[in-house]
PDB file of all heavy atoms in Angstrom:
ATOM      1  N   PRO A   1      44.040   5.382  94.585  1.00  0.00           N
ATOM      2  CA  PRO A   1      44.560   6.252  95.665  1.00  0.00           C
ATOM      3  C   PRO A   1      46.053   6.041  95.882  1.00  0.00           C
ATOM      4  O   PRO A   1      46.763   7.055  96.229  1.00  0.00           O
ATOM      5  CB  PRO A   1      43.789   5.696  96.872  1.00  0.00           C
ATOM      6  CG  PRO A   1      42.479   5.131  96.280  1.00  0.00           C
ATOM      7  CD  PRO A   1      42.891   4.547  95.018  1.00  0.00           C
ATOM      8  N   ASP A   2      46.558   4.870  95.712  1.00  0.00           N
ATOM      9  CA  ASP A   2      48.031   4.593  95.910  1.00  0.00           C
ATOM     10  C   ASP A   2      48.825   5.368  94.834  1.00  0.00           C
ATOM     11  O   ASP A   2      49.837   5.948  95.127  1.00  0.00           O
ATOM     12  CB  ASP A   2      48.333   3.125  95.787  1.00  0.00           C
ATOM     13  CG  ASP A   2      47.831   2.342  96.970  1.00  0.00           C
ATOM     14  OD1 ASP A   2      47.561   2.924  98.032  1.00  0.00           O
ATOM     15  OD2 ASP A   2      47.692   1.155  96.872  1.00  0.00           O
ATOM     16  N   TYR A   3      48.384   5.274  93.582  1.00  0.00           N
ATOM     17  CA  TYR A   3      49.075   5.962  92.491  1.00  0.00           C
ATOM     18  C   TYR A   3      49.087   7.479  92.763  1.00  0.00           C
ATOM     19  O   TYR A   3      50.059   8.240  92.656  1.00  0.00           O
ATOM     20  CB  TYR A   3      48.444   5.711  91.151  1.00  0.00           C
ATOM     21  CG  TYR A   3      49.111   6.240  89.911  1.00  0.00           C
ATOM     22  CD1 TYR A   3      49.982   5.399  89.256  1.00  0.00           C
ATOM     23  CD2 TYR A   3      48.980   7.507  89.549  1.00  0.00           C
ATOM     24  CE1 TYR A   3      50.676   5.832  88.121  1.00  0.00           C
ATOM     25  CE2 TYR A   3      49.653   7.979  88.422  1.00  0.00           C
ATOM     26  CZ  TYR A   3      50.483   7.132  87.755  1.00  0.00           C
ATOM     27  OH  TYR A   3      51.143   7.624  86.592  1.00  0.00           O
ATOM     28  N   PHE A   4      47.895   8.025  93.184  1.00  0.00           N
ATOM     29  CA  PHE A   4      47.796   9.447  93.500  1.00  0.00           C
ATOM     30  C   PHE A   4      48.741   9.888  94.620  1.00  0.00           C
ATOM     31  O   PHE A   4      49.403  10.898  94.537  1.00  0.00           O
ATOM     32  CB  PHE A   4      46.346   9.825  93.847  1.00  0.00           C
ATOM     33  CG  PHE A   4      46.100  11.275  94.011  1.00  0.00           C
ATOM     34  CD1 PHE A   4      45.925  12.127  92.853  1.00  0.00           C
ATOM     35  CD2 PHE A   4      46.076  11.891  95.228  1.00  0.00           C
ATOM     36  CE1 PHE A   4      45.683  13.441  92.995  1.00  0.00           C
ATOM     37  CE2 PHE A   4      45.856  13.193  95.360  1.00  0.00           C
ATOM     38  CZ  PHE A   4      45.640  14.004  94.256  1.00  0.00           C
ATOM     39  N   ALA A   5      48.778   9.039  95.637  1.00  0.00           N
ATOM     40  CA  ALA A   5      49.636   9.374  96.825  1.00  0.00           C
ATOM     41  C   ALA A   5      51.093   9.347  96.392  1.00  0.00           C
ATOM     42  O   ALA A   5      51.914  10.229  96.828  1.00  0.00           O
ATOM     43  CB  ALA A   5      49.405   8.377  97.927  1.00  0.00           C
ATOM     44  N   LEU A   6      51.504   8.416  95.580  1.00  0.00           N
ATOM     45  CA  LEU A   6      52.864   8.342  95.113  1.00  0.00           C
ATOM     46  C   LEU A   6      53.211   9.558  94.183  1.00  0.00           C
ATOM     47  O   LEU A   6      54.268  10.123  94.266  1.00  0.00           O
ATOM     48  CB  LEU A   6      53.135   7.107  94.346  1.00  0.00           C
ATOM     49  CG  LEU A   6      53.297   5.753  95.114  1.00  0.00           C
ATOM     50  CD1 LEU A   6      53.369   4.588  94.225  1.00  0.00           C
ATOM     51  CD2 LEU A   6      54.519   5.869  95.987  1.00  0.00           C
ATOM     52  N   ALA A   7      52.235   9.969  93.424  1.00  0.00           N
ATOM     53  CA  ALA A   7      52.456  11.138  92.521  1.00  0.00           C
ATOM     54  C   ALA A   7      52.646  12.454  93.388  1.00  0.00           C
ATOM     55  O   ALA A   7      53.497  13.232  93.157  1.00  0.00           O
ATOM     56  CB  ALA A   7      51.290  11.358  91.510  1.00  0.00           C
ATOM     57  N   GLU A   8      51.791  12.541  94.398  1.00  0.00           N
ATOM     58  CA  GLU A   8      51.935  13.685  95.282  1.00  0.00           C
ATOM     59  C   GLU A   8      53.241  13.742  96.037  1.00  0.00           C
ATOM     60  O   GLU A   8      53.902  14.745  96.131  1.00  0.00           O
ATOM     61  CB  GLU A   8      50.795  13.642  96.329  1.00  0.00           C
ATOM     62  CG  GLU A   8      49.466  14.209  95.896  1.00  0.00           C
ATOM     63  CD  GLU A   8      48.535  14.407  96.995  1.00  0.00           C
ATOM     64  OE1 GLU A   8      48.358  13.435  97.859  1.00  0.00           O
ATOM     65  OE2 GLU A   8      47.919  15.470  97.082  1.00  0.00           O
ATOM     66  N   GLN A   9      53.652  12.506  96.468  1.00  0.00           N
ATOM     67  CA  GLN A   9      54.946  12.419  97.126  1.00  0.00           C
ATOM     68  C   GLN A   9      56.110  12.762  96.197  1.00  0.00           C
ATOM     69  O   GLN A   9      57.065  13.503  96.564  1.00  0.00           O
ATOM     70  CB  GLN A   9      55.155  11.005  97.646  1.00  0.00           C
ATOM     71  CG  GLN A   9      56.442  10.829  98.509  1.00  0.00           C
ATOM     72  CD  GLN A   9      56.526   9.349  98.984  1.00  0.00           C
ATOM     73  OE1 GLN A   9      55.774   8.488  98.614  1.00  0.00           O
ATOM     74  NE2 GLN A   9      57.487   9.146  99.839  1.00  0.00           N
ATOM     75  N   ALA A  10      56.069  12.292  94.971  1.00  0.00           N
ATOM     76  CA  ALA A  10      57.122  12.610  93.966  1.00  0.00           C
ATOM     77  C   ALA A  10      57.200  14.160  93.706  1.00  0.00           C
ATOM     78  O   ALA A  10      58.256  14.687  93.647  1.00  0.00           O
ATOM     79  CB  ALA A  10      56.838  11.867  92.644  1.00  0.00           C
ATOM     80  N   ILE A  11      56.028  14.781  93.606  1.00  0.00           N
ATOM     81  CA  ILE A  11      56.005  16.252  93.335  1.00  0.00           C
ATOM     82  C   ILE A  11      56.608  16.968  94.587  1.00  0.00           C
ATOM     83  O   ILE A  11      57.434  17.879  94.408  1.00  0.00           O
ATOM     84  CB  ILE A  11      54.576  16.717  93.136  1.00  0.00           C
ATOM     85  CG1 ILE A  11      54.096  16.247  91.803  1.00  0.00           C
ATOM     86  CG2 ILE A  11      54.476  18.211  93.275  1.00  0.00           C
ATOM     87  CD1 ILE A  11      52.672  16.452  91.482  1.00  0.00           C
ATOM     88  N   LYS A  12      56.323  16.505  95.741  1.00  0.00           N
ATOM     89  CA  LYS A  12      56.915  17.123  96.957  1.00  0.00           C
ATOM     90  C   LYS A  12      58.439  16.921  97.029  1.00  0.00           C
ATOM     91  O   LYS A  12      59.141  17.889  97.378  1.00  0.00           O
ATOM     92  CB  LYS A  12      56.272  16.579  98.262  1.00  0.00           C
ATOM     93  CG  LYS A  12      54.879  17.049  98.480  1.00  0.00           C
ATOM     94  CD  LYS A  12      54.268  16.464  99.733  1.00  0.00           C
ATOM     95  CE  LYS A  12      52.807  16.876  99.826  1.00  0.00           C
ATOM     96  NZ  LYS A  12      52.144  16.139 100.916  1.00  0.00           N
ATOM     97  N   VAL A  13      58.899  15.771  96.618  1.00  0.00           N
ATOM     98  CA  VAL A  13      60.302  15.478  96.622  1.00  0.00           C
ATOM     99  C   VAL A  13      61.026  16.372  95.565  1.00  0.00           C
ATOM    100  O   VAL A  13      62.136  16.985  95.831  1.00  0.00           O
ATOM    101  CB  VAL A  13      60.657  14.001  96.367  1.00  0.00           C
ATOM    102  CG1 VAL A  13      62.118  13.747  96.051  1.00  0.00           C
ATOM    103  CG2 VAL A  13      60.209  13.194  97.553  1.00  0.00           C
ATOM    104  N   LEU A  14      60.420  16.473  94.411  1.00  0.00           N
ATOM    105  CA  LEU A  14      61.015  17.212  93.306  1.00  0.00           C
ATOM    106  C   LEU A  14      60.957  18.705  93.500  1.00  0.00           C
ATOM    107  O   LEU A  14      61.878  19.456  93.120  1.00  0.00           O
ATOM    108  CB  LEU A  14      60.365  16.838  91.977  1.00  0.00           C
ATOM    109  CG  LEU A  14      60.595  15.417  91.564  1.00  0.00           C
ATOM    110  CD1 LEU A  14      59.789  15.165  90.250  1.00  0.00           C
ATOM    111  CD2 LEU A  14      62.071  15.213  91.147  1.00  0.00           C
ATOM    112  N   HIS A  15      59.850  19.201  94.120  1.00  0.00           N
ATOM    113  CA  HIS A  15      59.665  20.675  94.169  1.00  0.00           C
ATOM    114  C   HIS A  15      59.582  21.188  95.648  1.00  0.00           C
ATOM    115  O   HIS A  15      59.453  22.427  95.827  1.00  0.00           O
ATOM    116  CB  HIS A  15      58.399  21.047  93.375  1.00  0.00           C
ATOM    117  CG  HIS A  15      58.492  20.674  91.972  1.00  0.00           C
ATOM    118  ND1 HIS A  15      59.294  21.227  91.077  1.00  0.00           N
ATOM    119  CD2 HIS A  15      57.818  19.689  91.293  1.00  0.00           C
ATOM    120  CE1 HIS A  15      59.170  20.682  89.889  1.00  0.00           C
ATOM    121  NE2 HIS A  15      58.244  19.726  89.962  1.00  0.00           N
ATOM    122  N   GLY A  16      59.586  20.302  96.591  1.00  0.00           N
ATOM    123  CA  GLY A  16      59.317  20.702  97.981  1.00  0.00           C
ATOM    124  C   GLY A  16      60.386  21.662  98.532  1.00  0.00           C
ATOM    125  O   GLY A  16      60.098  22.405  99.385  1.00  0.00           O
ATOM    126  N   ASN A  17      61.598  21.586  98.044  1.00  0.00           N
ATOM    127  CA  ASN A  17      62.680  22.408  98.581  1.00  0.00           C
ATOM    128  C   ASN A  17      62.843  23.710  97.858  1.00  0.00           C
ATOM    129  O   ASN A  17      63.821  24.466  98.208  1.00  0.00           O
ATOM    130  CB  ASN A  17      63.986  21.609  98.625  1.00  0.00           C
ATOM    131  CG  ASN A  17      63.877  20.461  99.561  1.00  0.00           C
ATOM    132  OD1 ASN A  17      63.269  20.532 100.555  1.00  0.00           O
ATOM    133  ND2 ASN A  17      64.487  19.363  99.248  1.00  0.00           N
ATOM    134  N   ARG A  18      62.064  24.000  96.837  1.00  0.00           N
ATOM    135  CA  ARG A  18      62.228  25.141  96.096  1.00  0.00           C
ATOM    136  C   ARG A  18      61.571  26.339  96.809  1.00  0.00           C
ATOM    137  O   ARG A  18      60.582  26.204  97.476  1.00  0.00           O
ATOM    138  CB  ARG A  18      61.563  25.020  94.686  1.00  0.00           C
ATOM    139  CG  ARG A  18      62.294  24.110  93.810  1.00  0.00           C
ATOM    140  CD  ARG A  18      61.651  24.057  92.436  1.00  0.00           C
ATOM    141  NE  ARG A  18      62.311  23.138  91.616  1.00  0.00           N
ATOM    142  CZ  ARG A  18      62.137  23.019  90.293  1.00  0.00           C
ATOM    143  NH1 ARG A  18      61.234  23.779  89.771  1.00  0.00           N
ATOM    144  NH2 ARG A  18      62.781  22.161  89.616  1.00  0.00           N
ATOM    145  N   ARG A  19      62.226  27.496  96.708  1.00  0.00           N
ATOM    146  CA  ARG A  19      61.600  28.704  97.258  1.00  0.00           C
ATOM    147  C   ARG A  19      62.007  29.869  96.402  1.00  0.00           C
ATOM    148  O   ARG A  19      63.050  29.852  95.710  1.00  0.00           O
ATOM    149  CB  ARG A  19      62.008  28.921  98.684  1.00  0.00           C
ATOM    150  CG  ARG A  19      63.444  29.118  98.927  1.00  0.00           C
ATOM    151  CD  ARG A  19      63.791  29.114 100.437  1.00  0.00           C
ATOM    152  NE  ARG A  19      65.224  29.295 100.609  1.00  0.00           N
ATOM    153  CZ  ARG A  19      65.842  30.421 100.864  1.00  0.00           C
ATOM    154  NH1 ARG A  19      65.083  31.537 100.998  1.00  0.00           N
ATOM    155  NH2 ARG A  19      67.113  30.529 101.063  1.00  0.00           N
ATOM    156  N   VAL A  20      61.226  30.925  96.434  1.00  0.00           N
ATOM    157  CA  VAL A  20      61.509  32.107  95.679  1.00  0.00           C
ATOM    158  C   VAL A  20      62.375  33.036  96.513  1.00  0.00           C
ATOM    159  O   VAL A  20      62.072  33.211  97.630  1.00  0.00           O
ATOM    160  CB  VAL A  20      60.202  32.794  95.264  1.00  0.00           C
ATOM    161  CG1 VAL A  20      60.455  34.139  94.555  1.00  0.00           C
ATOM    162  CG2 VAL A  20      59.347  31.937  94.432  1.00  0.00           C
ATOM    163  N   ILE A  21      63.401  33.558  95.880  1.00  0.00           N
ATOM    164  CA  ILE A  21      64.283  34.463  96.569  1.00  0.00           C
ATOM    165  C   ILE A  21      64.309  35.804  95.754  1.00  0.00           C
ATOM    166  O   ILE A  21      64.591  35.813  94.554  1.00  0.00           O
ATOM    167  CB  ILE A  21      65.745  33.903  96.654  1.00  0.00           C
ATOM    168  CG1 ILE A  21      65.757  32.600  97.372  1.00  0.00           C
ATOM    169  CG2 ILE A  21      66.666  34.947  97.298  1.00  0.00           C
ATOM    170  CD1 ILE A  21      67.116  31.922  97.346  1.00  0.00           C
ATOM    171  N   ALA A  22      64.020  36.888  96.356  1.00  0.00           N
ATOM    172  CA  ALA A  22      64.039  38.214  95.780  1.00  0.00           C
ATOM    173  C   ALA A  22      65.480  38.545  95.492  1.00  0.00           C
ATOM    174  O   ALA A  22      66.467  38.145  96.220  1.00  0.00           O
ATOM    175  CB  ALA A  22      63.456  39.217  96.679  1.00  0.00           C
ATOM    176  N   ALA A  23      65.736  39.310  94.459  1.00  0.00           N
ATOM    177  CA  ALA A  23      67.133  39.699  94.101  1.00  0.00           C
ATOM    178  C   ALA A  23      67.841  40.345  95.234  1.00  0.00           C
ATOM    179  O   ALA A  23      69.081  40.052  95.377  1.00  0.00           O
ATOM    180  CB  ALA A  23      67.010  40.613  92.863  1.00  0.00           C
ATOM    181  N   GLU A  24      67.229  41.196  95.980  1.00  0.00           N
ATOM    182  CA  GLU A  24      67.898  41.844  97.075  1.00  0.00           C
ATOM    183  C   GLU A  24      68.261  40.867  98.273  1.00  0.00           C
ATOM    184  O   GLU A  24      69.067  41.214  99.112  1.00  0.00           O
ATOM    185  CB  GLU A  24      67.124  43.038  97.639  1.00  0.00           C
ATOM    186  CG  GLU A  24      65.699  42.800  97.906  1.00  0.00           C
ATOM    187  CD  GLU A  24      64.713  42.911  96.721  1.00  0.00           C
ATOM    188  OE1 GLU A  24      65.135  43.302  95.582  1.00  0.00           O
ATOM    189  OE2 GLU A  24      63.574  42.549  96.952  1.00  0.00           O
ATOM    190  N   GLU A  25      67.731  39.641  98.202  1.00  0.00           N
ATOM    191  CA  GLU A  25      68.075  38.690  99.233  1.00  0.00           C
ATOM    192  C   GLU A  25      69.211  37.774  98.855  1.00  0.00           C
ATOM    193  O   GLU A  25      69.755  37.021  99.672  1.00  0.00           O
ATOM    194  CB  GLU A  25      66.881  37.729  99.508  1.00  0.00           C
ATOM    195  CG  GLU A  25      65.636  38.383 100.108  1.00  0.00           C
ATOM    196  CD  GLU A  25      64.538  37.367 100.255  1.00  0.00           C
ATOM    197  OE1 GLU A  25      64.777  36.251 100.830  1.00  0.00           O
ATOM    198  OE2 GLU A  25      63.395  37.717  99.862  1.00  0.00           O
ATOM    199  N   LEU A  26      69.717  37.889  97.617  1.00  0.00           N
ATOM    200  CA  LEU A  26      70.857  37.051  97.167  1.00  0.00           C
ATOM    201  C   LEU A  26      72.107  37.487  97.848  1.00  0.00           C
ATOM    202  O   LEU A  26      72.384  38.682  98.021  1.00  0.00           O
ATOM    203  CB  LEU A  26      71.034  37.214  95.634  1.00  0.00           C
ATOM    204  CG  LEU A  26      69.960  36.586  94.743  1.00  0.00           C
ATOM    205  CD1 LEU A  26      70.235  36.972  93.314  1.00  0.00           C
ATOM    206  CD2 LEU A  26      69.943  35.087  94.934  1.00  0.00           C
ATOM    207  N   SER A  27      72.880  36.475  98.268  1.00  0.00           N
ATOM    208  CA  SER A  27      74.275  36.808  98.811  1.00  0.00           C
ATOM    209  C   SER A  27      75.163  37.141  97.657  1.00  0.00           C
ATOM    210  O   SER A  27      74.879  36.919  96.534  1.00  0.00           O
ATOM    211  CB  SER A  27      74.746  35.586  99.558  1.00  0.00           C
ATOM    212  OG  SER A  27      75.050  34.523  98.612  1.00  0.00           O
ATOM    213  N   GLU A  28      76.309  37.724  98.006  1.00  0.00           N
ATOM    214  CA  GLU A  28      77.294  38.035  96.948  1.00  0.00           C
ATOM    215  C   GLU A  28      77.808  36.718  96.264  1.00  0.00           C
ATOM    216  O   GLU A  28      77.963  36.774  95.010  1.00  0.00           O
ATOM    217  CB  GLU A  28      78.524  38.693  97.627  1.00  0.00           C
ATOM    218  CG  GLU A  28      78.273  40.153  97.975  1.00  0.00           C
ATOM    219  CD  GLU A  28      79.525  40.804  98.499  1.00  0.00           C
ATOM    220  OE1 GLU A  28      80.622  40.463  98.145  1.00  0.00           O
ATOM    221  OE2 GLU A  28      79.394  41.680  99.351  1.00  0.00           O
ATOM    222  N   GLN A  29      77.814  35.613  96.980  1.00  0.00           N
ATOM    223  CA  GLN A  29      78.201  34.355  96.415  1.00  0.00           C
ATOM    224  C   GLN A  29      77.119  33.868  95.406  1.00  0.00           C
ATOM    225  O   GLN A  29      77.428  33.418  94.327  1.00  0.00           O
ATOM    226  CB  GLN A  29      78.424  33.325  97.504  1.00  0.00           C
ATOM    227  CG  GLN A  29      78.861  32.002  96.991  1.00  0.00           C
ATOM    228  CD  GLN A  29      79.082  30.914  98.098  1.00  0.00           C
ATOM    229  OE1 GLN A  29      78.738  31.207  99.269  1.00  0.00           O
ATOM    230  NE2 GLN A  29      79.630  29.780  97.710  1.00  0.00           N
ATOM    231  N   ASP A  30      75.838  34.030  95.780  1.00  0.00           N
ATOM    232  CA  ASP A  30      74.759  33.621  94.878  1.00  0.00           C
ATOM    233  C   ASP A  30      74.847  34.435  93.631  1.00  0.00           C
ATOM    234  O   ASP A  30      74.676  33.949  92.518  1.00  0.00           O
ATOM    235  CB  ASP A  30      73.368  33.809  95.571  1.00  0.00           C
ATOM    236  CG  ASP A  30      73.153  32.831  96.691  1.00  0.00           C
ATOM    237  OD1 ASP A  30      73.753  31.769  96.747  1.00  0.00           O
ATOM    238  OD2 ASP A  30      72.395  33.204  97.585  1.00  0.00           O
ATOM    239  N   ASP A  31      75.000  35.735  93.784  1.00  0.00           N
ATOM    240  CA  ASP A  31      75.002  36.714  92.661  1.00  0.00           C
ATOM    241  C   ASP A  31      76.179  36.380  91.723  1.00  0.00           C
ATOM    242  O   ASP A  31      75.991  36.352  90.545  1.00  0.00           O
ATOM    243  CB  ASP A  31      75.088  38.152  93.160  1.00  0.00           C
ATOM    244  CG  ASP A  31      74.903  39.153  92.078  1.00  0.00           C
ATOM    245  OD1 ASP A  31      73.969  38.950  91.235  1.00  0.00           O
ATOM    246  OD2 ASP A  31      75.695  40.099  91.962  1.00  0.00           O
ATOM    247  N   SER A  32      77.334  36.102  92.310  1.00  0.00           N
ATOM    248  CA  SER A  32      78.493  35.733  91.500  1.00  0.00           C
ATOM    249  C   SER A  32      78.287  34.479  90.730  1.00  0.00           C
ATOM    250  O   SER A  32      78.598  34.363  89.560  1.00  0.00           O
ATOM    251  CB  SER A  32      79.688  35.589  92.456  1.00  0.00           C
ATOM    252  OG  SER A  32      80.839  35.074  91.771  1.00  0.00           O
ATOM    253  N   PHE A  33      77.665  33.465  91.393  1.00  0.00           N
ATOM    254  CA  PHE A  33      77.381  32.193  90.714  1.00  0.00           C
ATOM    255  C   PHE A  33      76.393  32.401  89.534  1.00  0.00           C
ATOM    256  O   PHE A  33      76.696  31.875  88.443  1.00  0.00           O
ATOM    257  CB  PHE A  33      76.778  31.235  91.723  1.00  0.00           C
ATOM    258  CG  PHE A  33      76.456  29.898  91.173  1.00  0.00           C
ATOM    259  CD1 PHE A  33      77.385  28.901  91.075  1.00  0.00           C
ATOM    260  CD2 PHE A  33      75.133  29.615  90.688  1.00  0.00           C
ATOM    261  CE1 PHE A  33      77.063  27.644  90.475  1.00  0.00           C
ATOM    262  CE2 PHE A  33      74.841  28.404  90.121  1.00  0.00           C
ATOM    263  CZ  PHE A  33      75.807  27.416  90.042  1.00  0.00           C
ATOM    264  N   LEU A  34      75.338  33.196  89.755  1.00  0.00           N
ATOM    265  CA  LEU A  34      74.379  33.422  88.703  1.00  0.00           C
ATOM    266  C   LEU A  34      74.983  34.193  87.557  1.00  0.00           C
ATOM    267  O   LEU A  34      74.670  33.904  86.337  1.00  0.00           O
ATOM    268  CB  LEU A  34      73.161  34.066  89.217  1.00  0.00           C
ATOM    269  CG  LEU A  34      72.271  33.254  90.152  1.00  0.00           C
ATOM    270  CD1 LEU A  34      71.202  34.159  90.750  1.00  0.00           C
ATOM    271  CD2 LEU A  34      71.675  32.073  89.391  1.00  0.00           C
ATOM    272  N   THR A  35      75.827  35.163  87.916  1.00  0.00           N
ATOM    273  CA  THR A  35      76.510  35.897  86.850  1.00  0.00           C
ATOM    274  C   THR A  35      77.429  35.090  85.954  1.00  0.00           C
ATOM    275  O   THR A  35      77.386  35.195  84.796  1.00  0.00           O
ATOM    276  CB  THR A  35      77.283  37.117  87.476  1.00  0.00           C
ATOM    277  OG1 THR A  35      76.378  37.935  88.199  1.00  0.00           O
ATOM    278  CG2 THR A  35      77.940  37.980  86.364  1.00  0.00           C
ATOM    279  N   ARG A  36      78.132  34.205  86.632  1.00  0.00           N
ATOM    280  CA  ARG A  36      79.066  33.313  86.000  1.00  0.00           C
ATOM    281  C   ARG A  36      78.423  32.236  85.199  1.00  0.00           C
ATOM    282  O   ARG A  36      78.805  31.920  84.065  1.00  0.00           O
ATOM    283  CB  ARG A  36      80.018  32.709  87.018  1.00  0.00           C
ATOM    284  CG  ARG A  36      81.107  31.901  86.424  1.00  0.00           C
ATOM    285  CD  ARG A  36      82.149  31.510  87.432  1.00  0.00           C
ATOM    286  NE  ARG A  36      83.104  30.634  86.831  1.00  0.00           N
ATOM    287  CZ  ARG A  36      83.867  29.745  87.525  1.00  0.00           C
ATOM    288  NH1 ARG A  36      83.717  29.699  88.884  1.00  0.00           N
ATOM    289  NH2 ARG A  36      84.660  28.967  86.933  1.00  0.00           N
ATOM    290  N   PHE A  37      77.404  31.592  85.704  1.00  0.00           N
ATOM    291  CA  PHE A  37      76.842  30.406  85.106  1.00  0.00           C
ATOM    292  C   PHE A  37      75.373  30.600  84.476  1.00  0.00           C
ATOM    293  O   PHE A  37      74.912  29.775  83.761  1.00  0.00           O
ATOM    294  CB  PHE A  37      76.743  29.228  86.072  1.00  0.00           C
ATOM    295  CG  PHE A  37      78.135  28.765  86.523  1.00  0.00           C
ATOM    296  CD1 PHE A  37      78.564  29.082  87.806  1.00  0.00           C
ATOM    297  CD2 PHE A  37      78.931  28.057  85.669  1.00  0.00           C
ATOM    298  CE1 PHE A  37      79.820  28.665  88.243  1.00  0.00           C
ATOM    299  CE2 PHE A  37      80.188  27.638  86.089  1.00  0.00           C
ATOM    300  CZ  PHE A  37      80.628  27.938  87.360  1.00  0.00           C
ATOM    301  N   GLY A  38      74.797  31.730  84.771  1.00  0.00           N
ATOM    302  CA  GLY A  38      73.448  31.971  84.273  1.00  0.00           C
ATOM    303  C   GLY A  38      73.529  32.400  82.798  1.00  0.00           C
ATOM    304  O   GLY A  38      74.588  32.712  82.203  1.00  0.00           O
ATOM    305  N   PRO A  39      72.325  32.537  82.187  1.00  0.00           N
ATOM    306  CA  PRO A  39      72.301  32.938  80.780  1.00  0.00           C
ATOM    307  C   PRO A  39      72.717  34.442  80.690  1.00  0.00           C
ATOM    308  O   PRO A  39      72.430  35.208  81.553  1.00  0.00           O
ATOM    309  CB  PRO A  39      70.794  32.752  80.344  1.00  0.00           C
ATOM    310  CG  PRO A  39      70.102  32.792  81.670  1.00  0.00           C
ATOM    311  CD  PRO A  39      71.009  32.246  82.757  1.00  0.00           C
ATOM    312  N   SER A  40      73.268  34.790  79.560  1.00  0.00           N
ATOM    313  CA  SER A  40      73.606  36.203  79.280  1.00  0.00           C
ATOM    314  C   SER A  40      72.342  36.968  78.940  1.00  0.00           C
ATOM    315  O   SER A  40      71.308  36.363  78.635  1.00  0.00           O
ATOM    316  CB  SER A  40      74.572  36.296  78.153  1.00  0.00           C
ATOM    317  OG  SER A  40      73.962  35.887  76.919  1.00  0.00           O
TER     318      SER A  40
END
């Protein structure tokens, strides 16, 4: 149970702050960053 709880906690730390953003929700700054540093 301890190992499982630690694994769950690690997943939340690694992925807990991620969220999906629709293209139309991107700010001009986000769009500029992705255009500059994203894949062609």
